[in-house]
mmCIF file of all heavy atoms, coordinates in Angstrom:
data_MODEL
# 
_entry.id   MODEL 
# 
loop_
_atom_site.group_PDB 
_atom_site.id 
_atom_site.type_symbol 
_atom_site.label_atom_id 
_atom_site.label_alt_id 
_atom_site.label_comp_id 
_atom_site.label_asym_id 
_atom_site.label_entity_id 
_atom_site.label_seq_id 
_atom_site.pdbx_PDB_ins_code 
_atom_site.Cartn_x 
_atom_site.Cartn_y 
_atom_site.Cartn_z 
_atom_site.occupancy 
_atom_site.B_iso_or_equiv 
_atom_site.pdbx_formal_charge 
_atom_site.auth_seq_id 
_atom_site.auth_comp_id 
_atom_site.auth_asym_id 
_atom_site.auth_atom_id 
_atom_site.pdbx_PDB_model_num 
ATOM 1   N N   . SER A 1 1  ? 0.837  -1.254  -0.047  1.00 0.00 ? 1  SER A N   1 
ATOM 2   C CA  . SER A 1 1  ? -0.014 0.027   -0.007  1.00 0.00 ? 1  SER A CA  1 
ATOM 3   C C   . SER A 1 1  ? 0.798  1.218   0.038   1.00 0.00 ? 1  SER A C   1 
ATOM 4   O O   . SER A 1 1  ? 0.345  2.298   -0.372  1.00 0.00 ? 1  SER A O   1 
ATOM 5   C CB  . SER A 1 1  ? -0.924 -0.051  1.199   1.00 0.00 ? 1  SER A CB  1 
ATOM 6   O OG  . SER A 1 1  ? -0.237 0.074   2.478   1.00 0.00 ? 1  SER A OG  1 
ATOM 7   N N   . SER A 1 2  ? 2.117  1.194   0.394   1.00 0.00 ? 2  SER A N   1 
ATOM 8   C CA  . SER A 1 2  ? 2.986  2.404   0.408   1.00 0.00 ? 2  SER A CA  1 
ATOM 9   C C   . SER A 1 2  ? 3.902  2.456   -0.754  1.00 0.00 ? 2  SER A C   1 
ATOM 10  O O   . SER A 1 2  ? 4.569  3.620   -0.938  1.00 0.00 ? 2  SER A O   1 
ATOM 11  C CB  . SER A 1 2  ? 3.711  2.330   1.724   1.00 0.00 ? 2  SER A CB  1 
ATOM 12  O OG  . SER A 1 2  ? 4.647  1.419   1.821   1.00 0.00 ? 2  SER A OG  1 
ATOM 13  N N   . VAL A 1 3  ? 4.162  1.325   -1.577  1.00 0.00 ? 3  VAL A N   1 
ATOM 14  C CA  . VAL A 1 3  ? 5.141  1.379   -2.624  1.00 0.00 ? 3  VAL A CA  1 
ATOM 15  C C   . VAL A 1 3  ? 4.518  2.050   -3.852  1.00 0.00 ? 3  VAL A C   1 
ATOM 16  O O   . VAL A 1 3  ? 3.326  1.653   -4.173  1.00 0.00 ? 3  VAL A O   1 
ATOM 17  C CB  . VAL A 1 3  ? 5.746  0.016   -2.763  1.00 0.00 ? 3  VAL A CB  1 
ATOM 18  C CG1 . VAL A 1 3  ? 6.520  0.006   -4.132  1.00 0.00 ? 3  VAL A CG1 1 
ATOM 19  C CG2 . VAL A 1 3  ? 6.503  -0.471  -1.646  1.00 0.00 ? 3  VAL A CG2 1 
ATOM 20  N N   . GLN A 1 4  ? 5.224  2.815   -4.514  1.00 0.00 ? 4  GLN A N   1 
ATOM 21  C CA  . GLN A 1 4  ? 4.692  3.441   -5.688  1.00 0.00 ? 4  GLN A CA  1 
ATOM 22  C C   . GLN A 1 4  ? 5.239  2.769   -7.009  1.00 0.00 ? 4  GLN A C   1 
ATOM 23  O O   . GLN A 1 4  ? 4.625  2.868   -8.039  1.00 0.00 ? 4  GLN A O   1 
ATOM 24  C CB  . GLN A 1 4  ? 4.883  4.948   -5.777  1.00 0.00 ? 4  GLN A CB  1 
ATOM 25  C CG  . GLN A 1 4  ? 4.152  5.538   -4.411  1.00 0.00 ? 4  GLN A CG  1 
ATOM 26  C CD  . GLN A 1 4  ? 3.996  7.072   -4.666  1.00 0.00 ? 4  GLN A CD  1 
ATOM 27  O OE1 . GLN A 1 4  ? 4.390  7.595   -5.519  1.00 0.00 ? 4  GLN A OE1 1 
ATOM 28  N NE2 . GLN A 1 4  ? 3.309  7.659   -3.706  1.00 0.00 ? 4  GLN A NE2 1 
ATOM 29  N N   . ASP A 1 5  ? 6.439  2.321   -6.871  1.00 0.00 ? 5  ASP A N   1 
ATOM 30  C CA  . ASP A 1 5  ? 7.082  1.608   -7.966  1.00 0.00 ? 5  ASP A CA  1 
ATOM 31  C C   . ASP A 1 5  ? 6.358  0.314   -8.408  1.00 0.00 ? 5  ASP A C   1 
ATOM 32  O O   . ASP A 1 5  ? 6.245  -0.432  -7.626  1.00 0.00 ? 5  ASP A O   1 
ATOM 33  C CB  . ASP A 1 5  ? 8.597  1.432   -7.686  1.00 0.00 ? 5  ASP A CB  1 
ATOM 34  C CG  . ASP A 1 5  ? 9.201  0.726   -8.931  1.00 0.00 ? 5  ASP A CG  1 
ATOM 35  O OD1 . ASP A 1 5  ? 9.570  1.386   -9.849  1.00 0.00 ? 5  ASP A OD1 1 
ATOM 36  O OD2 . ASP A 1 5  ? 9.551  -0.470  -8.759  1.00 0.00 ? 5  ASP A OD2 1 
ATOM 37  N N   . SER A 1 6  ? 5.759  0.273   -9.581  1.00 0.00 ? 6  SER A N   1 
ATOM 38  C CA  . SER A 1 6  ? 4.970  -0.814  -10.062 1.00 0.00 ? 6  SER A CA  1 
ATOM 39  C C   . SER A 1 6  ? 5.783  -2.196  -9.995  1.00 0.00 ? 6  SER A C   1 
ATOM 40  O O   . SER A 1 6  ? 5.179  -3.268  -9.614  1.00 0.00 ? 6  SER A O   1 
ATOM 41  C CB  . SER A 1 6  ? 4.325  -0.694  -11.308 1.00 0.00 ? 6  SER A CB  1 
ATOM 42  O OG  . SER A 1 6  ? 5.314  -0.560  -12.329 1.00 0.00 ? 6  SER A OG  1 
ATOM 43  N N   . GLU A 1 7  ? 7.102  -2.206  -10.373 1.00 0.00 ? 7  GLU A N   1 
ATOM 44  C CA  . GLU A 1 7  ? 7.898  -3.446  -10.403 1.00 0.00 ? 7  GLU A CA  1 
ATOM 45  C C   . GLU A 1 7  ? 8.023  -3.958  -8.974  1.00 0.00 ? 7  GLU A C   1 
ATOM 46  O O   . GLU A 1 7  ? 8.028  -5.017  -8.797  1.00 0.00 ? 7  GLU A O   1 
ATOM 47  C CB  . GLU A 1 7  ? 9.184  -3.169  -11.269 1.00 0.00 ? 7  GLU A CB  1 
ATOM 48  C CG  . GLU A 1 7  ? 10.028 -4.464  -11.397 1.00 0.00 ? 7  GLU A CG  1 
ATOM 49  C CD  . GLU A 1 7  ? 11.139 -4.168  -12.151 1.00 0.00 ? 7  GLU A CD  1 
ATOM 50  O OE1 . GLU A 1 7  ? 11.192 -3.196  -12.990 1.00 0.00 ? 7  GLU A OE1 1 
ATOM 51  O OE2 . GLU A 1 7  ? 12.200 -4.852  -12.127 1.00 0.00 ? 7  GLU A OE2 1 
ATOM 52  N N   . LEU A 1 8  ? 8.381  -3.088  -8.113  1.00 0.00 ? 8  LEU A N   1 
ATOM 53  C CA  . LEU A 1 8  ? 8.555  -3.396  -6.769  1.00 0.00 ? 8  LEU A CA  1 
ATOM 54  C C   . LEU A 1 8  ? 7.292  -3.945  -6.054  1.00 0.00 ? 8  LEU A C   1 
ATOM 55  O O   . LEU A 1 8  ? 7.214  -4.784  -5.435  1.00 0.00 ? 8  LEU A O   1 
ATOM 56  C CB  . LEU A 1 8  ? 9.213  -2.209  -5.982  1.00 0.00 ? 8  LEU A CB  1 
ATOM 57  C CG  . LEU A 1 8  ? 9.519  -2.477  -4.537  1.00 0.00 ? 8  LEU A CG  1 
ATOM 58  C CD1 . LEU A 1 8  ? 10.422 -3.633  -4.398  1.00 0.00 ? 8  LEU A CD1 1 
ATOM 59  C CD2 . LEU A 1 8  ? 10.145 -1.201  -3.829  1.00 0.00 ? 8  LEU A CD2 1 
ATOM 60  N N   . LYS A 1 9  ? 6.226  -3.203  -6.409  1.00 0.00 ? 9  LYS A N   1 
ATOM 61  C CA  . LYS A 1 9  ? 4.935  -3.563  -5.834  1.00 0.00 ? 9  LYS A CA  1 
ATOM 62  C C   . LYS A 1 9  ? 4.571  -4.917  -6.329  1.00 0.00 ? 9  LYS A C   1 
ATOM 63  O O   . LYS A 1 9  ? 4.034  -5.784  -5.602  1.00 0.00 ? 9  LYS A O   1 
ATOM 64  C CB  . LYS A 1 9  ? 3.930  -2.583  -6.237  1.00 0.00 ? 9  LYS A CB  1 
ATOM 65  C CG  . LYS A 1 9  ? 2.515  -2.802  -5.686  1.00 0.00 ? 9  LYS A CG  1 
ATOM 66  C CD  . LYS A 1 9  ? 1.542  -1.702  -5.996  1.00 0.00 ? 9  LYS A CD  1 
ATOM 67  C CE  . LYS A 1 9  ? 1.784  -0.531  -5.144  1.00 0.00 ? 9  LYS A CE  1 
ATOM 68  N NZ  . LYS A 1 9  ? 0.640  0.380   -5.084  1.00 0.00 ? 9  LYS A NZ  1 
ATOM 69  N N   . ASN A 1 10 ? 4.735  -5.324  -7.649  1.00 0.00 ? 10 ASN A N   1 
ATOM 70  C CA  . ASN A 1 10 ? 4.505  -6.720  -8.054  1.00 0.00 ? 10 ASN A CA  1 
ATOM 71  C C   . ASN A 1 10 ? 5.375  -7.771  -7.374  1.00 0.00 ? 10 ASN A C   1 
ATOM 72  O O   . ASN A 1 10 ? 4.832  -8.821  -7.014  1.00 0.00 ? 10 ASN A O   1 
ATOM 73  C CB  . ASN A 1 10 ? 4.766  -6.739  -9.614  1.00 0.00 ? 10 ASN A CB  1 
ATOM 74  C CG  . ASN A 1 10 ? 3.746  -5.951  -10.460 1.00 0.00 ? 10 ASN A CG  1 
ATOM 75  O OD1 . ASN A 1 10 ? 2.572  -5.783  -9.952  1.00 0.00 ? 10 ASN A OD1 1 
ATOM 76  N ND2 . ASN A 1 10 ? 4.111  -5.662  -11.642 1.00 0.00 ? 10 ASN A ND2 1 
ATOM 77  N N   . SER A 1 11 ? 6.641  -7.409  -7.151  1.00 0.00 ? 11 SER A N   1 
ATOM 78  C CA  . SER A 1 11 ? 7.362  -8.401  -6.429  1.00 0.00 ? 11 SER A CA  1 
ATOM 79  C C   . SER A 1 11 ? 7.016  -8.539  -4.921  1.00 0.00 ? 11 SER A C   1 
ATOM 80  O O   . SER A 1 11 ? 7.014  -9.734  -4.516  1.00 0.00 ? 11 SER A O   1 
ATOM 81  C CB  . SER A 1 11 ? 8.927  -7.746  -6.291  1.00 0.00 ? 11 SER A CB  1 
ATOM 82  O OG  . SER A 1 11 ? 9.496  -7.671  -7.603  1.00 0.00 ? 11 SER A OG  1 
ATOM 83  N N   . VAL A 1 12 ? 6.621  -7.552  -4.281  1.00 0.00 ? 12 VAL A N   1 
ATOM 84  C CA  . VAL A 1 12 ? 6.030  -7.635  -2.907  1.00 0.00 ? 12 VAL A CA  1 
ATOM 85  C C   . VAL A 1 12 ? 4.677  -8.437  -3.068  1.00 0.00 ? 12 VAL A C   1 
ATOM 86  O O   . VAL A 1 12 ? 4.522  -9.243  -2.096  1.00 0.00 ? 12 VAL A O   1 
ATOM 87  C CB  . VAL A 1 12 ? 5.964  -6.283  -2.278  1.00 0.00 ? 12 VAL A CB  1 
ATOM 88  C CG1 . VAL A 1 12 ? 5.356  -6.383  -0.794  1.00 0.00 ? 12 VAL A CG1 1 
ATOM 89  C CG2 . VAL A 1 12 ? 7.311  -5.621  -2.129  1.00 0.00 ? 12 VAL A CG2 1 
ATOM 90  N N   . GLN A 1 13 ? 3.940  -8.233  -3.877  1.00 0.00 ? 13 GLN A N   1 
ATOM 91  C CA  . GLN A 1 13 ? 2.686  -8.937  -4.048  1.00 0.00 ? 13 GLN A CA  1 
ATOM 92  C C   . GLN A 1 13 ? 2.931  -10.480 -4.208  1.00 0.00 ? 13 GLN A C   1 
ATOM 93  O O   . GLN A 1 13 ? 2.259  -11.246 -3.722  1.00 0.00 ? 13 GLN A O   1 
ATOM 94  C CB  . GLN A 1 13 ? 1.844  -8.448  -5.317  1.00 0.00 ? 13 GLN A CB  1 
ATOM 95  C CG  . GLN A 1 13 ? 1.249  -7.113  -4.874  1.00 0.00 ? 13 GLN A CG  1 
ATOM 96  C CD  . GLN A 1 13 ? 0.515  -6.503  -6.140  1.00 0.00 ? 13 GLN A CD  1 
ATOM 97  O OE1 . GLN A 1 13 ? 0.851  -6.607  -7.324  1.00 0.00 ? 13 GLN A OE1 1 
ATOM 98  N NE2 . GLN A 1 13 ? -0.688 -5.795  -5.776  1.00 0.00 ? 13 GLN A NE2 1 
ATOM 99  N N   . THR A 1 14 ? 3.991  -10.796 -4.995  1.00 0.00 ? 14 THR A N   1 
ATOM 100 C CA  . THR A 1 14 ? 4.470  -12.188 -5.306  1.00 0.00 ? 14 THR A CA  1 
ATOM 101 C C   . THR A 1 14 ? 4.907  -12.836 -3.972  1.00 0.00 ? 14 THR A C   1 
ATOM 102 O O   . THR A 1 14 ? 4.501  -13.865 -3.597  1.00 0.00 ? 14 THR A O   1 
ATOM 103 C CB  . THR A 1 14 ? 5.550  -12.232 -6.336  1.00 0.00 ? 14 THR A CB  1 
ATOM 104 O OG1 . THR A 1 14 ? 5.064  -11.769 -7.581  1.00 0.00 ? 14 THR A OG1 1 
ATOM 105 C CG2 . THR A 1 14 ? 5.953  -13.684 -6.540  1.00 0.00 ? 14 THR A CG2 1 
ATOM 106 N N   . MET A 1 15 ? 5.578  -12.019 -3.157  1.00 0.00 ? 15 MET A N   1 
ATOM 107 C CA  . MET A 1 15 ? 6.100  -12.494 -1.892  1.00 0.00 ? 15 MET A CA  1 
ATOM 108 C C   . MET A 1 15 ? 4.944  -12.771 -0.979  1.00 0.00 ? 15 MET A C   1 
ATOM 109 O O   . MET A 1 15 ? 5.027  -13.770 -0.273  1.00 0.00 ? 15 MET A O   1 
ATOM 110 C CB  . MET A 1 15 ? 7.060  -11.530 -1.308  1.00 0.00 ? 15 MET A CB  1 
ATOM 111 C CG  . MET A 1 15 ? 8.512  -11.493 -1.906  1.00 0.00 ? 15 MET A CG  1 
ATOM 112 S SD  . MET A 1 15 ? 9.632  -10.213 -1.345  1.00 0.00 ? 15 MET A SD  1 
ATOM 113 C CE  . MET A 1 15 ? 9.142  -9.670  0.275   1.00 0.00 ? 15 MET A CE  1 
ATOM 114 N N   . ALA A 1 16 ? 4.006  -11.845 -0.959  1.00 0.00 ? 16 ALA A N   1 
ATOM 115 C CA  . ALA A 1 16 ? 2.838  -11.985 -0.064  1.00 0.00 ? 16 ALA A CA  1 
ATOM 116 C C   . ALA A 1 16 ? 2.010  -13.219 -0.443  1.00 0.00 ? 16 ALA A C   1 
ATOM 117 O O   . ALA A 1 16 ? 1.640  -13.991 0.388   1.00 0.00 ? 16 ALA A O   1 
ATOM 118 C CB  . ALA A 1 16 ? 1.895  -10.759 -0.190  1.00 0.00 ? 16 ALA A CB  1 
ATOM 119 N N   . GLY A 1 17 ? 1.865  -13.547 -1.725  1.00 0.00 ? 17 GLY A N   1 
ATOM 120 C CA  . GLY A 1 17 ? 1.340  -14.847 -2.120  1.00 0.00 ? 17 GLY A CA  1 
ATOM 121 C C   . GLY A 1 17 ? 2.006  -15.971 -1.709  1.00 0.00 ? 17 GLY A C   1 
ATOM 122 O O   . GLY A 1 17 ? 1.416  -16.938 -1.363  1.00 0.00 ? 17 GLY A O   1 
ATOM 123 N N   . LYS A 1 18 ? 3.335  -15.959 -1.782  1.00 0.00 ? 18 LYS A N   1 
ATOM 124 C CA  . LYS A 1 18 ? 4.062  -17.159 -1.374  1.00 0.00 ? 18 LYS A CA  1 
ATOM 125 C C   . LYS A 1 18 ? 4.000  -17.336 0.091   1.00 0.00 ? 18 LYS A C   1 
ATOM 126 O O   . LYS A 1 18 ? 3.833  -18.520 0.594   1.00 0.00 ? 18 LYS A O   1 
ATOM 127 C CB  . LYS A 1 18 ? 5.614  -16.897 -1.671  1.00 0.00 ? 18 LYS A CB  1 
ATOM 128 C CG  . LYS A 1 18 ? 5.943  -16.821 -3.135  1.00 0.00 ? 18 LYS A CG  1 
ATOM 129 C CD  . LYS A 1 18 ? 5.846  -18.152 -3.723  1.00 0.00 ? 18 LYS A CD  1 
ATOM 130 C CE  . LYS A 1 18 ? 6.281  -18.190 -5.211  1.00 0.00 ? 18 LYS A CE  1 
ATOM 131 N NZ  . LYS A 1 18 ? 5.995  -19.365 -5.888  1.00 0.00 ? 18 LYS A NZ  1 
ATOM 132 N N   . HIS A 1 19 ? 3.857  -16.224 0.916   1.00 0.00 ? 19 HIS A N   1 
ATOM 133 C CA  . HIS A 1 19 ? 3.686  -16.479 2.302   1.00 0.00 ? 19 HIS A CA  1 
ATOM 134 C C   . HIS A 1 19 ? 2.383  -17.135 2.630   1.00 0.00 ? 19 HIS A C   1 
ATOM 135 O O   . HIS A 1 19 ? 2.114  -17.839 3.581   1.00 0.00 ? 19 HIS A O   1 
ATOM 136 C CB  . HIS A 1 19 ? 4.005  -15.126 3.070   1.00 0.00 ? 19 HIS A CB  1 
ATOM 137 C CG  . HIS A 1 19 ? 5.537  -14.945 3.213   1.00 0.00 ? 19 HIS A CG  1 
ATOM 138 N ND1 . HIS A 1 19 ? 6.440  -15.675 3.852   1.00 0.00 ? 19 HIS A ND1 1 
ATOM 139 C CD2 . HIS A 1 19 ? 6.283  -13.867 2.547   1.00 0.00 ? 19 HIS A CD2 1 
ATOM 140 C CE1 . HIS A 1 19 ? 7.603  -15.126 3.736   1.00 0.00 ? 19 HIS A CE1 1 
ATOM 141 N NE2 . HIS A 1 19 ? 7.483  -13.977 2.879   1.00 0.00 ? 19 HIS A NE2 1 
ATOM 142 N N   . ARG A 1 20 ? 1.352  -16.526 1.794   1.00 0.00 ? 20 ARG A N   1 
ATOM 143 C CA  . ARG A 1 20 ? 0.033  -17.089 1.944   1.00 0.00 ? 20 ARG A CA  1 
ATOM 144 C C   . ARG A 1 20 ? -0.023 -18.621 1.600   1.00 0.00 ? 20 ARG A C   1 
ATOM 145 O O   . ARG A 1 20 ? -0.755 -19.327 2.369   1.00 0.00 ? 20 ARG A O   1 
ATOM 146 C CB  . ARG A 1 20 ? -1.042 -16.275 1.151   1.00 0.00 ? 20 ARG A CB  1 
ATOM 147 C CG  . ARG A 1 20 ? -2.458 -16.677 1.331   1.00 0.00 ? 20 ARG A CG  1 
ATOM 148 C CD  . ARG A 1 20 ? -3.312 -15.517 0.541   1.00 0.00 ? 20 ARG A CD  1 
ATOM 149 N NE  . ARG A 1 20 ? -2.847 -14.999 -0.749  1.00 0.00 ? 20 ARG A NE  1 
ATOM 150 C CZ  . ARG A 1 20 ? -2.262 -13.857 -0.807  1.00 0.00 ? 20 ARG A CZ  1 
ATOM 151 N NH1 . ARG A 1 20 ? -2.193 -13.093 0.152   1.00 0.00 ? 20 ARG A NH1 1 
ATOM 152 N NH2 . ARG A 1 20 ? -1.896 -13.426 -2.027  1.00 0.00 ? 20 ARG A NH2 1 
ATOM 153 N N   . GLU A 1 21 ? 0.733  -19.043 0.581   1.00 0.00 ? 21 GLU A N   1 
ATOM 154 C CA  . GLU A 1 21 ? 0.709  -20.393 0.245   1.00 0.00 ? 21 GLU A CA  1 
ATOM 155 C C   . GLU A 1 21 ? 1.433  -21.305 1.394   1.00 0.00 ? 21 GLU A C   1 
ATOM 156 O O   . GLU A 1 21 ? 0.938  -22.246 1.701   1.00 0.00 ? 21 GLU A O   1 
ATOM 157 C CB  . GLU A 1 21 ? 1.550  -20.673 -1.070  1.00 0.00 ? 21 GLU A CB  1 
ATOM 158 C CG  . GLU A 1 21 ? 0.838  -20.082 -2.208  1.00 0.00 ? 21 GLU A CG  1 
ATOM 159 C CD  . GLU A 1 21 ? 1.682  -20.156 -3.475  1.00 0.00 ? 21 GLU A CD  1 
ATOM 160 O OE1 . GLU A 1 21 ? 2.717  -20.956 -3.514  1.00 0.00 ? 21 GLU A OE1 1 
ATOM 161 O OE2 . GLU A 1 21 ? 1.496  -19.519 -4.436  1.00 0.00 ? 21 GLU A OE2 1 
ATOM 162 N N   . ILE A 1 22 ? 2.522  -20.797 1.964   1.00 0.00 ? 22 ILE A N   1 
ATOM 163 C CA  . ILE A 1 22 ? 3.171  -21.442 3.011   1.00 0.00 ? 22 ILE A CA  1 
ATOM 164 C C   . ILE A 1 22 ? 2.249  -21.525 4.163   1.00 0.00 ? 22 ILE A C   1 
ATOM 165 O O   . ILE A 1 22 ? 2.211  -22.658 4.855   1.00 0.00 ? 22 ILE A O   1 
ATOM 166 C CB  . ILE A 1 22 ? 4.505  -20.700 3.433   1.00 0.00 ? 22 ILE A CB  1 
ATOM 167 C CG1 . ILE A 1 22 ? 5.469  -20.811 2.156   1.00 0.00 ? 22 ILE A CG1 1 
ATOM 168 C CG2 . ILE A 1 22 ? 5.094  -21.282 4.636   1.00 0.00 ? 22 ILE A CG2 1 
ATOM 169 C CD1 . ILE A 1 22 ? 6.701  -19.879 2.311   1.00 0.00 ? 22 ILE A CD1 1 
ATOM 170 N N   . PHE A 1 23 ? 1.555  -20.448 4.498   1.00 0.00 ? 23 PHE A N   1 
ATOM 171 C CA  . PHE A 1 23 ? 0.625  -20.533 5.655   1.00 0.00 ? 23 PHE A CA  1 
ATOM 172 C C   . PHE A 1 23 ? -0.484 -21.543 5.462   1.00 0.00 ? 23 PHE A C   1 
ATOM 173 O O   . PHE A 1 23 ? -0.851 -22.392 6.339   1.00 0.00 ? 23 PHE A O   1 
ATOM 174 C CB  . PHE A 1 23 ? -0.124 -19.020 5.717   1.00 0.00 ? 23 PHE A CB  1 
ATOM 175 C CG  . PHE A 1 23 ? -1.096 -19.007 6.883   1.00 0.00 ? 23 PHE A CG  1 
ATOM 176 C CD1 . PHE A 1 23 ? -0.695 -18.673 8.116   1.00 0.00 ? 23 PHE A CD1 1 
ATOM 177 C CD2 . PHE A 1 23 ? -2.509 -19.199 6.671   1.00 0.00 ? 23 PHE A CD2 1 
ATOM 178 C CE1 . PHE A 1 23 ? -1.638 -18.533 9.199   1.00 0.00 ? 23 PHE A CE1 1 
ATOM 179 C CE2 . PHE A 1 23 ? -3.413 -19.122 7.684   1.00 0.00 ? 23 PHE A CE2 1 
ATOM 180 C CZ  . PHE A 1 23 ? -2.994 -18.846 8.936   1.00 0.00 ? 23 PHE A CZ  1 
ATOM 181 N N   . ASN A 1 24 ? -1.010 -21.495 4.217   1.00 0.00 ? 24 ASN A N   1 
ATOM 182 C CA  . ASN A 1 24 ? -2.115 -22.593 3.903   1.00 0.00 ? 24 ASN A CA  1 
ATOM 183 C C   . ASN A 1 24 ? -1.550 -24.058 4.049   1.00 0.00 ? 24 ASN A C   1 
ATOM 184 O O   . ASN A 1 24 ? -2.141 -24.900 4.431   1.00 0.00 ? 24 ASN A O   1 
ATOM 185 C CB  . ASN A 1 24 ? -2.625 -22.248 2.479   1.00 0.00 ? 24 ASN A CB  1 
ATOM 186 C CG  . ASN A 1 24 ? -3.627 -21.073 2.592   1.00 0.00 ? 24 ASN A CG  1 
ATOM 187 O OD1 . ASN A 1 24 ? -4.171 -20.669 3.584   1.00 0.00 ? 24 ASN A OD1 1 
ATOM 188 N ND2 . ASN A 1 24 ? -3.710 -20.440 1.459   1.00 0.00 ? 24 ASN A ND2 1 
ATOM 189 N N   . SER A 1 25 ? -0.241 -24.085 3.505   1.00 0.00 ? 25 SER A N   1 
ATOM 190 C CA  . SER A 1 25 ? 0.411  -25.448 3.736   1.00 0.00 ? 25 SER A CA  1 
ATOM 191 C C   . SER A 1 25 ? 0.422  -26.005 5.110   1.00 0.00 ? 25 SER A C   1 
ATOM 192 O O   . SER A 1 25 ? 0.229  -27.114 5.519   1.00 0.00 ? 25 SER A O   1 
ATOM 193 C CB  . SER A 1 25 ? 1.786  -25.455 3.157   1.00 0.00 ? 25 SER A CB  1 
ATOM 194 O OG  . SER A 1 25 ? 1.736  -25.160 1.764   1.00 0.00 ? 25 SER A OG  1 
ATOM 195 N N   . PHE A 1 26 ? 0.824  -24.987 6.062   1.00 0.00 ? 26 PHE A N   1 
ATOM 196 C CA  . PHE A 1 26 ? 0.863  -25.324 7.444   1.00 0.00 ? 26 PHE A CA  1 
ATOM 197 C C   . PHE A 1 26 ? -0.523 -25.714 7.948   1.00 0.00 ? 26 PHE A C   1 
ATOM 198 O O   . PHE A 1 26 ? -0.684 -26.633 8.745   1.00 0.00 ? 26 PHE A O   1 
ATOM 199 C CB  . PHE A 1 26 ? 1.386  -24.220 8.345   1.00 0.00 ? 26 PHE A CB  1 
ATOM 200 C CG  . PHE A 1 26 ? 3.063  -24.180 8.260   1.00 0.00 ? 26 PHE A CG  1 
ATOM 201 C CD1 . PHE A 1 26 ? 3.630  -23.091 7.787   1.00 0.00 ? 26 PHE A CD1 1 
ATOM 202 C CD2 . PHE A 1 26 ? 3.685  -25.242 8.658   1.00 0.00 ? 26 PHE A CD2 1 
ATOM 203 C CE1 . PHE A 1 26 ? 4.989  -23.098 7.634   1.00 0.00 ? 26 PHE A CE1 1 
ATOM 204 C CE2 . PHE A 1 26 ? 5.120  -25.183 8.604   1.00 0.00 ? 26 PHE A CE2 1 
ATOM 205 C CZ  . PHE A 1 26 ? 5.798  -24.114 8.202   1.00 0.00 ? 26 PHE A CZ  1 
ATOM 206 N N   . ILE A 1 27 ? -1.530 -24.899 7.541   1.00 0.00 ? 27 ILE A N   1 
ATOM 207 C CA  . ILE A 1 27 ? -2.814 -25.209 7.894   1.00 0.00 ? 27 ILE A CA  1 
ATOM 208 C C   . ILE A 1 27 ? -3.230 -26.539 7.579   1.00 0.00 ? 27 ILE A C   1 
ATOM 209 O O   . ILE A 1 27 ? -3.982 -27.385 8.313   1.00 0.00 ? 27 ILE A O   1 
ATOM 210 C CB  . ILE A 1 27 ? -3.875 -24.122 7.441   1.00 0.00 ? 27 ILE A CB  1 
ATOM 211 C CG1 . ILE A 1 27 ? -3.537 -22.739 8.080   1.00 0.00 ? 27 ILE A CG1 1 
ATOM 212 C CG2 . ILE A 1 27 ? -5.404 -24.532 7.568   1.00 0.00 ? 27 ILE A CG2 1 
ATOM 213 C CD1 . ILE A 1 27 ? -3.989 -22.795 9.647   1.00 0.00 ? 27 ILE A CD1 1 
ATOM 214 N N   . ASN A 1 28 ? -2.918 -26.877 6.399   1.00 0.00 ? 28 ASN A N   1 
ATOM 215 C CA  . ASN A 1 28 ? -3.238 -28.242 5.783   1.00 0.00 ? 28 ASN A CA  1 
ATOM 216 C C   . ASN A 1 28 ? -2.568 -29.336 6.650   1.00 0.00 ? 28 ASN A C   1 
ATOM 217 O O   . ASN A 1 28 ? -3.169 -30.452 6.639   1.00 0.00 ? 28 ASN A O   1 
ATOM 218 C CB  . ASN A 1 28 ? -2.926 -28.441 4.349   1.00 0.00 ? 28 ASN A CB  1 
ATOM 219 C CG  . ASN A 1 28 ? -3.779 -27.561 3.417   1.00 0.00 ? 28 ASN A CG  1 
ATOM 220 O OD1 . ASN A 1 28 ? -4.960 -27.308 3.842   1.00 0.00 ? 28 ASN A OD1 1 
ATOM 221 N ND2 . ASN A 1 28 ? -3.231 -27.204 2.325   1.00 0.00 ? 28 ASN A ND2 1 
ATOM 222 N N   . LEU A 1 29 ? -1.398 -29.154 7.206   1.00 0.00 ? 29 LEU A N   1 
ATOM 223 C CA  . LEU A 1 29 ? -0.802 -30.208 8.106   1.00 0.00 ? 29 LEU A CA  1 
ATOM 224 C C   . LEU A 1 29 ? -1.618 -30.476 9.187   1.00 0.00 ? 29 LEU A C   1 
ATOM 225 O O   . LEU A 1 29 ? -1.746 -31.522 9.811   1.00 0.00 ? 29 LEU A O   1 
ATOM 226 C CB  . LEU A 1 29 ? 0.497  -29.622 8.561   1.00 0.00 ? 29 LEU A CB  1 
ATOM 227 C CG  . LEU A 1 29 ? 1.663  -29.655 7.599   1.00 0.00 ? 29 LEU A CG  1 
ATOM 228 C CD1 . LEU A 1 29 ? 2.925  -28.969 8.175   1.00 0.00 ? 29 LEU A CD1 1 
ATOM 229 C CD2 . LEU A 1 29 ? 2.032  -31.079 7.112   1.00 0.00 ? 29 LEU A CD2 1 
# 
């Protein structure tokens, strides 16, 4: 929400998605 550079914002969105996937993997355990 605070980054203005679109490339950096996309990278951070990808990282957030990866952390969400990892979180869901733990929940599935």
